[in-house]
Amino acid sequence: MPKFSLPLRLHLSLIIVVGTALLKYGAWLYLGIYGAIALFWATRLRAPVGNLSKLLGVELIFMAFLALPMGWEKASFLLVRSLVCLLVMNSFVLTLPSHSFGIALKSLPLPAAFKESLLLAGQYIEILVSEVQRMQRAAQLRGLGGATGWLRYASAAMIGSLYLRSLNRAERVYAAMLVRGYQGSFPLESSLKTSDYLVILATVAIAMGITIPSYLD
């Protein structure tokens, strides 16, 4: 199978997510079709199963707290639909090469300031995750291994320390960017080929062919 470029992978992922999100409530058949597409997409991108399952588990727990008060029947459809959307986007994010999100983001027809904000937010999240991993290793070296030990270590003081450490590191990264010539925009160019546009149009047509009939049945 041909290798998709980063901008094309981002566009296709967003089309699948938007099509799934716009499905009519209770359209289980069409949701199942999108679910099969999401599984194919995750397999096509070769997303790491272990990291993907852990990430989906944490996200679904959070979604369950929001959806279950709506009633089991409605919540079940919303949770499955959220699972499909998260499967697609998490597969894209987990298979994204390091520091290449900006390359894919540049191809979206969005305001430049908004794209720069998203890119900087993504960089801060990477810093935050890195600091969490460092603190977890520090907790293990202090004999607080395992899930129970980590929960004992996760106190209000630790959360405050994590914020200060990540903020301090983010400021150092920003200062280094300024030294290297950063002036409010990243010098990244990303364009789609003619063949990419054809693939996007075909995917849009398929998504419309699945989503629109869900309102007609």
C-alpha atoms as a PDB file:
ATOM      1  CA  MET A   1       0.000   0.000   0.000  1.00  0.00           C
ATOM      2  CA  PRO A   2       1.269   3.540  -0.721  1.00  0.00           C
ATOM      3  CA  LYS A   3       2.729   5.558   2.136  1.00  0.00           C
ATOM      4  CA  PHE A   4       0.595   8.543   3.076  1.00  0.00           C
ATOM      5  CA  SER A   5       2.200  11.902   3.806  1.00  0.00           C
ATOM      6  CA  LEU A   6       1.657  13.548   7.200  1.00  0.00           C
ATOM      7  CA  PRO A   7      -0.782  16.209   5.905  1.00  0.00           C
ATOM      8  CA  LEU A   8      -2.809  13.558   4.084  1.00  0.00           C
ATOM      9  CA  ARG A   9      -2.934  11.348   7.177  1.00  0.00           C
ATOM     10  CA  LEU A  10      -4.189  14.295   9.231  1.00  0.00           C
ATOM     11  CA  HIS A  11      -6.876  15.197   6.687  1.00  0.00           C
ATOM     12  CA  LEU A  12      -8.132  11.618   6.400  1.00  0.00           C
ATOM     13  CA  SER A  13      -8.213  11.225  10.184  1.00  0.00           C
ATOM     14  CA  LEU A  14     -10.227  14.430  10.578  1.00  0.00           C
ATOM     15  CA  ILE A  15     -12.686  13.405   7.856  1.00  0.00           C
ATOM     16  CA  ILE A  16     -13.353  10.081   9.588  1.00  0.00           C
ATOM     17  CA  VAL A  17     -13.761  11.771  12.974  1.00  0.00           C
ATOM     18  CA  VAL A  18     -16.111  14.473  11.673  1.00  0.00           C
ATOM     19  CA  GLY A  19     -18.197  11.924   9.766  1.00  0.00           C
ATOM     20  CA  THR A  20     -18.506   9.770  12.883  1.00  0.00           C
ATOM     21  CA  ALA A  21     -19.348  12.724  15.121  1.00  0.00           C
ATOM     22  CA  LEU A  22     -22.148  13.847  12.773  1.00  0.00           C
ATOM     23  CA  LEU A  23     -23.910  10.464  12.765  1.00  0.00           C
ATOM     24  CA  LYS A  24     -27.526  10.487  13.827  1.00  0.00           C
ATOM     25  CA  TYR A  25     -28.097   9.229  17.347  1.00  0.00           C
ATOM     26  CA  GLY A  26     -28.958   5.529  17.393  1.00  0.00           C
ATOM     27  CA  ALA A  27     -27.531   4.752  13.926  1.00  0.00           C
ATOM     28  CA  TRP A  28     -25.681   1.662  15.137  1.00  0.00           C
ATOM     29  CA  LEU A  29     -25.254   0.136  11.683  1.00  0.00           C
ATOM     30  CA  TYR A  30     -23.452   3.167  10.299  1.00  0.00           C
ATOM     31  CA  LEU A  31     -21.460   3.516  13.506  1.00  0.00           C
ATOM     32  CA  GLY A  32     -20.325  -0.071  13.017  1.00  0.00           C
ATOM     33  CA  ILE A  33     -19.144   0.818   9.510  1.00  0.00           C
ATOM     34  CA  TYR A  34     -17.123   3.709  10.889  1.00  0.00           C
ATOM     35  CA  GLY A  35     -15.787   1.379  13.576  1.00  0.00           C
ATOM     36  CA  ALA A  36     -14.502  -1.003  10.910  1.00  0.00           C
ATOM     37  CA  ILE A  37     -12.914   1.940   9.087  1.00  0.00           C
ATOM     38  CA  ALA A  38     -11.277   3.111  12.328  1.00  0.00           C
ATOM     39  CA  LEU A  39      -9.815  -0.354  12.956  1.00  0.00           C
ATOM     40  CA  PHE A  40      -8.498  -0.460   9.397  1.00  0.00           C
ATOM     41  CA  TRP A  41      -6.981   3.007   9.820  1.00  0.00           C
ATOM     42  CA  ALA A  42      -5.265   2.041  13.082  1.00  0.00           C
ATOM     43  CA  THR A  43      -3.893  -1.098  11.423  1.00  0.00           C
ATOM     44  CA  ARG A  44      -2.818   0.879   8.362  1.00  0.00           C
ATOM     45  CA  LEU A  45      -0.922   3.363  10.519  1.00  0.00           C
ATOM     46  CA  ARG A  46       0.547   0.526  12.634  1.00  0.00           C
ATOM     47  CA  ALA A  47      -0.370   2.159  15.918  1.00  0.00           C
ATOM     48  CA  PRO A  48       1.272   0.516  18.961  1.00  0.00           C
ATOM     49  CA  VAL A  49      -1.413  -1.652  20.535  1.00  0.00           C
ATOM     50  CA  GLY A  50      -0.169  -1.317  24.116  1.00  0.00           C
ATOM     51  CA  ASN A  51       0.051   2.465  24.205  1.00  0.00           C
ATOM     52  CA  LEU A  52      -3.171   2.798  22.207  1.00  0.00           C
ATOM     53  CA  SER A  53      -5.175   0.602  24.576  1.00  0.00           C
ATOM     54  CA  LYS A  54      -3.869   2.409  27.671  1.00  0.00           C
ATOM     55  CA  LEU A  55      -4.656   5.813  26.201  1.00  0.00           C
ATOM     56  CA  LEU A  56      -8.143   4.753  25.117  1.00  0.00           C
ATOM     57  CA  GLY A  57      -8.835   3.287  28.558  1.00  0.00           C
ATOM     58  CA  VAL A  58      -8.005   6.527  30.356  1.00  0.00           C
ATOM     59  CA  GLU A  59      -9.987   8.634  27.884  1.00  0.00           C
ATOM     60  CA  LEU A  60     -13.048   6.378  28.025  1.00  0.00           C
ATOM     61  CA  ILE A  61     -13.109   6.504  31.826  1.00  0.00           C
ATOM     62  CA  PHE A  62     -13.272  10.287  31.609  1.00  0.00           C
ATOM     63  CA  MET A  63     -15.953  10.116  28.891  1.00  0.00           C
ATOM     64  CA  ALA A  64     -18.004   7.665  30.964  1.00  0.00           C
ATOM     65  CA  PHE A  65     -18.320  10.171  33.813  1.00  0.00           C
ATOM     66  CA  LEU A  66     -19.767  12.687  31.337  1.00  0.00           C
ATOM     67  CA  ALA A  67     -22.052  10.338  29.417  1.00  0.00           C
ATOM     68  CA  LEU A  68     -23.534   7.987  32.029  1.00  0.00           C
ATOM     69  CA  PRO A  69     -25.754  10.663  33.650  1.00  0.00           C
ATOM     70  CA  MET A  70     -27.590  10.875  30.301  1.00  0.00           C
ATOM     71  CA  GLY A  71     -28.946   7.359  30.687  1.00  0.00           C
ATOM     72  CA  TRP A  72     -27.506   4.004  29.682  1.00  0.00           C
ATOM     73  CA  GLU A  73     -29.123   3.824  26.237  1.00  0.00           C
ATOM     74  CA  LYS A  74     -27.886   7.225  25.093  1.00  0.00           C
ATOM     75  CA  ALA A  75     -24.583   6.914  26.932  1.00  0.00           C
ATOM     76  CA  SER A  76     -23.739   3.605  25.249  1.00  0.00           C
ATOM     77  CA  PHE A  77     -24.039   5.111  21.770  1.00  0.00           C
ATOM     78  CA  LEU A  78     -22.073   8.209  22.762  1.00  0.00           C
ATOM     79  CA  LEU A  79     -19.298   6.122  24.319  1.00  0.00           C
ATOM     80  CA  VAL A  80     -18.962   3.856  21.288  1.00  0.00           C
ATOM     81  CA  ARG A  81     -18.968   6.853  18.959  1.00  0.00           C
ATOM     82  CA  SER A  82     -16.323   8.521  21.141  1.00  0.00           C
ATOM     83  CA  LEU A  83     -14.303   5.303  21.058  1.00  0.00           C
ATOM     84  CA  VAL A  84     -14.287   5.323  17.259  1.00  0.00           C
ATOM     85  CA  CYS A  85     -13.216   8.985  17.108  1.00  0.00           C
ATOM     86  CA  LEU A  86     -10.523   8.498  19.738  1.00  0.00           C
ATOM     87  CA  LEU A  87      -9.242   5.370  18.019  1.00  0.00           C
ATOM     88  CA  VAL A  88      -8.704   7.296  14.791  1.00  0.00           C
ATOM     89  CA  MET A  89      -7.042  10.367  16.296  1.00  0.00           C
ATOM     90  CA  ASN A  90      -4.953   8.457  18.831  1.00  0.00           C
ATOM     91  CA  SER A  91      -3.676   6.194  16.058  1.00  0.00           C
ATOM     92  CA  PHE A  92      -2.615   9.284  14.141  1.00  0.00           C
ATOM     93  CA  VAL A  93      -0.962  10.945  17.132  1.00  0.00           C
ATOM     94  CA  LEU A  94       0.855   7.827  18.349  1.00  0.00           C
ATOM     95  CA  THR A  95       2.348   7.167  14.910  1.00  0.00           C
ATOM     96  CA  LEU A  96       3.386  10.777  14.384  1.00  0.00           C
ATOM     97  CA  PRO A  97       7.171  11.215  14.154  1.00  0.00           C
ATOM     98  CA  SER A  98       8.679  13.399  16.854  1.00  0.00           C
ATOM     99  CA  HIS A  99       8.357  17.175  16.311  1.00  0.00           C
ATOM    100  CA  SER A 100       6.450  16.714  13.033  1.00  0.00           C
ATOM    101  CA  PHE A 101       2.970  17.792  14.124  1.00  0.00           C
ATOM    102  CA  GLY A 102       3.638  21.265  12.747  1.00  0.00           C
ATOM    103  CA  ILE A 103       4.278  19.840   9.287  1.00  0.00           C
ATOM    104  CA  ALA A 104       0.830  18.256   9.219  1.00  0.00           C
ATOM    105  CA  LEU A 105      -0.836  21.230  10.893  1.00  0.00           C
ATOM    106  CA  LYS A 106       0.435  23.684   8.287  1.00  0.00           C
ATOM    107  CA  SER A 107      -1.722  22.057   5.612  1.00  0.00           C
ATOM    108  CA  LEU A 108      -5.027  22.808   7.387  1.00  0.00           C
ATOM    109  CA  PRO A 109      -7.028  25.858   6.210  1.00  0.00           C
ATOM    110  CA  LEU A 110      -6.963  27.539   9.623  1.00  0.00           C
ATOM    111  CA  PRO A 111      -5.776  30.965  10.815  1.00  0.00           C
ATOM    112  CA  ALA A 112      -2.015  31.058  11.295  1.00  0.00           C
ATOM    113  CA  ALA A 113      -2.283  32.280  14.896  1.00  0.00           C
ATOM    114  CA  PHE A 114      -4.615  29.396  15.773  1.00  0.00           C
ATOM    115  CA  LYS A 115      -2.248  26.821  14.238  1.00  0.00           C
ATOM    116  CA  GLU A 116       0.732  28.295  16.080  1.00  0.00           C
ATOM    117  CA  SER A 117      -1.221  28.127  19.365  1.00  0.00           C
ATOM    118  CA  LEU A 118      -2.095  24.479  18.764  1.00  0.00           C
ATOM    119  CA  LEU A 119       1.491  23.655  17.921  1.00  0.00           C
ATOM    120  CA  LEU A 120       2.863  25.366  21.030  1.00  0.00           C
ATOM    121  CA  ALA A 121       0.213  23.650  23.164  1.00  0.00           C
ATOM    122  CA  GLY A 122       1.299  20.311  21.732  1.00  0.00           C
ATOM    123  CA  GLN A 123       4.912  21.093  22.587  1.00  0.00           C
ATOM    124  CA  TYR A 124       3.901  21.937  26.166  1.00  0.00           C
ATOM    125  CA  ILE A 125       2.002  18.656  26.491  1.00  0.00           C
ATOM    126  CA  GLU A 126       5.154  16.782  25.434  1.00  0.00           C
ATOM    127  CA  ILE A 127       7.086  18.640  28.127  1.00  0.00           C
ATOM    128  CA  LEU A 128       4.394  17.866  30.706  1.00  0.00           C
ATOM    129  CA  VAL A 129       4.424  14.146  29.869  1.00  0.00           C
ATOM    130  CA  SER A 130       8.220  14.103  30.063  1.00  0.00           C
ATOM    131  CA  GLU A 131       8.147  15.680  33.521  1.00  0.00           C
ATOM    132  CA  VAL A 132       5.518  13.176  34.713  1.00  0.00           C
ATOM    133  CA  GLN A 133       7.745  10.312  33.581  1.00  0.00           C
ATOM    134  CA  ARG A 134      10.724  11.804  35.391  1.00  0.00           C
ATOM    135  CA  MET A 135       8.711  12.150  38.600  1.00  0.00           C
ATOM    136  CA  GLN A 136       7.468   8.570  38.266  1.00  0.00           C
ATOM    137  CA  ARG A 137      11.050   7.340  38.001  1.00  0.00           C
ATOM    138  CA  ALA A 138      11.968   9.445  41.044  1.00  0.00           C
ATOM    139  CA  ALA A 139       9.076   7.873  42.979  1.00  0.00           C
ATOM    140  CA  GLN A 140      10.220   4.368  42.026  1.00  0.00           C
ATOM    141  CA  LEU A 141      13.775   5.124  43.182  1.00  0.00           C
ATOM    142  CA  ARG A 142      12.300   6.169  46.532  1.00  0.00           C
ATOM    143  CA  GLY A 143      10.595   2.797  46.894  1.00  0.00           C
ATOM    144  CA  LEU A 144       7.138   3.907  45.803  1.00  0.00           C
ATOM    145  CA  GLY A 145       6.790   1.366  43.016  1.00  0.00           C
ATOM    146  CA  GLY A 146       3.508   0.015  41.677  1.00  0.00           C
ATOM    147  CA  ALA A 147       0.165   1.689  41.172  1.00  0.00           C
ATOM    148  CA  THR A 148      -0.563   2.068  44.917  1.00  0.00           C
ATOM    149  CA  GLY A 149       2.793   3.662  45.633  1.00  0.00           C
ATOM    150  CA  TRP A 150       2.361   6.119  42.791  1.00  0.00           C
ATOM    151  CA  LEU A 151      -1.088   7.115  44.076  1.00  0.00           C
ATOM    152  CA  ARG A 152       0.416   7.857  47.500  1.00  0.00           C
ATOM    153  CA  TYR A 153       3.025   9.999  45.800  1.00  0.00           C
ATOM    154  CA  ALA A 154       0.406  11.889  43.732  1.00  0.00           C
ATOM    155  CA  SER A 155      -0.447  14.525  46.332  1.00  0.00           C
ATOM    156  CA  ALA A 156      -1.350  18.182  45.944  1.00  0.00           C
ATOM    157  CA  ALA A 157       2.280  19.126  46.561  1.00  0.00           C
ATOM    158  CA  MET A 158       3.382  16.840  43.725  1.00  0.00           C
ATOM    159  CA  ILE A 159       0.866  18.366  41.329  1.00  0.00           C
ATOM    160  CA  GLY A 160       2.083  21.856  42.188  1.00  0.00           C
ATOM    161  CA  SER A 161       5.698  20.770  41.762  1.00  0.00           C
ATOM    162  CA  LEU A 162       4.837  19.220  38.397  1.00  0.00           C
ATOM    163  CA  TYR A 163       3.271  22.478  37.222  1.00  0.00           C
ATOM    164  CA  LEU A 164       6.263  24.552  38.322  1.00  0.00           C
ATOM    165  CA  ARG A 165       8.796  22.169  36.799  1.00  0.00           C
ATOM    166  CA  SER A 166       6.954  21.909  33.487  1.00  0.00           C
ATOM    167  CA  LEU A 167       6.443  25.685  33.347  1.00  0.00           C
ATOM    168  CA  ASN A 168      10.115  26.317  34.090  1.00  0.00           C
ATOM    169  CA  ARG A 169      11.173  23.872  31.398  1.00  0.00           C
ATOM    170  CA  ALA A 170       8.700  25.371  28.912  1.00  0.00           C
ATOM    171  CA  GLU A 171      10.201  28.819  29.539  1.00  0.00           C
ATOM    172  CA  ARG A 172      13.683  27.447  28.874  1.00  0.00           C
ATOM    173  CA  VAL A 173      12.480  25.840  25.638  1.00  0.00           C
ATOM    174  CA  TYR A 174      10.853  29.109  24.552  1.00  0.00           C
ATOM    175  CA  ALA A 175      14.039  31.054  25.331  1.00  0.00           C
ATOM    176  CA  ALA A 176      16.018  28.580  23.241  1.00  0.00           C
ATOM    177  CA  MET A 177      13.535  29.041  20.387  1.00  0.00           C
ATOM    178  CA  LEU A 178      14.002  32.816  20.518  1.00  0.00           C
ATOM    179  CA  VAL A 179      17.777  32.408  20.396  1.00  0.00           C
ATOM    180  CA  ARG A 180      17.365  30.240  17.291  1.00  0.00           C
ATOM    181  CA  GLY A 181      15.359  32.922  15.504  1.00  0.00           C
ATOM    182  CA  TYR A 182      11.736  32.161  16.391  1.00  0.00           C
ATOM    183  CA  GLN A 183       9.564  35.207  15.544  1.00  0.00           C
ATOM    184  CA  GLY A 184       6.041  33.949  16.125  1.00  0.00           C
ATOM    185  CA  SER A 185       5.785  31.486  13.243  1.00  0.00           C
ATOM    186  CA  PHE A 186       7.479  28.221  12.363  1.00  0.00           C
ATOM    187  CA  PRO A 187       9.302  28.042   8.996  1.00  0.00           C
ATOM    188  CA  LEU A 188       7.479  24.915   7.912  1.00  0.00           C
ATOM    189  CA  GLU A 189       6.040  24.311   4.491  1.00  0.00           C
ATOM    190  CA  SER A 190       3.586  21.539   3.789  1.00  0.00           C
ATOM    191  CA  SER A 191       1.607  21.065   0.613  1.00  0.00           C
ATOM    192  CA  LEU A 192      -0.702  18.403  -0.727  1.00  0.00           C
ATOM    193  CA  LYS A 193      -0.163  16.767  -4.100  1.00  0.00           C
ATOM    194  CA  THR A 194      -2.854  16.367  -6.736  1.00  0.00           C
ATOM    195  CA  SER A 195      -3.146  12.680  -5.886  1.00  0.00           C
ATOM    196  CA  ASP A 196      -3.631  13.618  -2.205  1.00  0.00           C
ATOM    197  CA  TYR A 197      -6.560  15.865  -3.110  1.00  0.00           C
ATOM    198  CA  LEU A 198      -8.138  13.006  -5.040  1.00  0.00           C
ATOM    199  CA  VAL A 199      -7.796  10.710  -2.032  1.00  0.00           C
ATOM    200  CA  ILE A 200      -9.320  13.386   0.222  1.00  0.00           C
ATOM    201  CA  LEU A 201     -12.268  13.926  -2.131  1.00  0.00           C
ATOM    202  CA  ALA A 202     -12.871  10.171  -2.323  1.00  0.00           C
ATOM    203  CA  THR A 203     -12.775   9.910   1.476  1.00  0.00           C
ATOM    204  CA  VAL A 204     -15.194  12.829   1.836  1.00  0.00           C
ATOM    205  CA  ALA A 205     -17.568  11.130  -0.610  1.00  0.00           C
ATOM    206  CA  ILE A 206     -17.388   7.874   1.348  1.00  0.00           C
ATOM    207  CA  ALA A 207     -17.983   9.686   4.648  1.00  0.00           C
ATOM    208  CA  MET A 208     -20.990  11.502   3.211  1.00  0.00           C
ATOM    209  CA  GLY A 209     -22.287   8.209   1.820  1.00  0.00           C
ATOM    210  CA  ILE A 210     -22.227   6.783   5.363  1.00  0.00           C
ATOM    211  CA  THR A 211     -23.309   9.765   7.461  1.00  0.00           C
ATOM    212  CA  ILE A 212     -26.144  11.205   5.345  1.00  0.00           C
ATOM    213  CA  PRO A 213     -28.067   7.897   5.019  1.00  0.00           C
ATOM    214  CA  SER A 214     -28.108   7.634   8.829  1.00  0.00           C
ATOM    215  CA  TYR A 215     -30.607  10.533   8.809  1.00  0.00           C
ATOM    216  CA  LEU A 216     -32.725   9.004   6.031  1.00  0.00           C
ATOM    217  CA  ASP A 217     -33.421   5.625   7.674  1.00  0.00           C
END
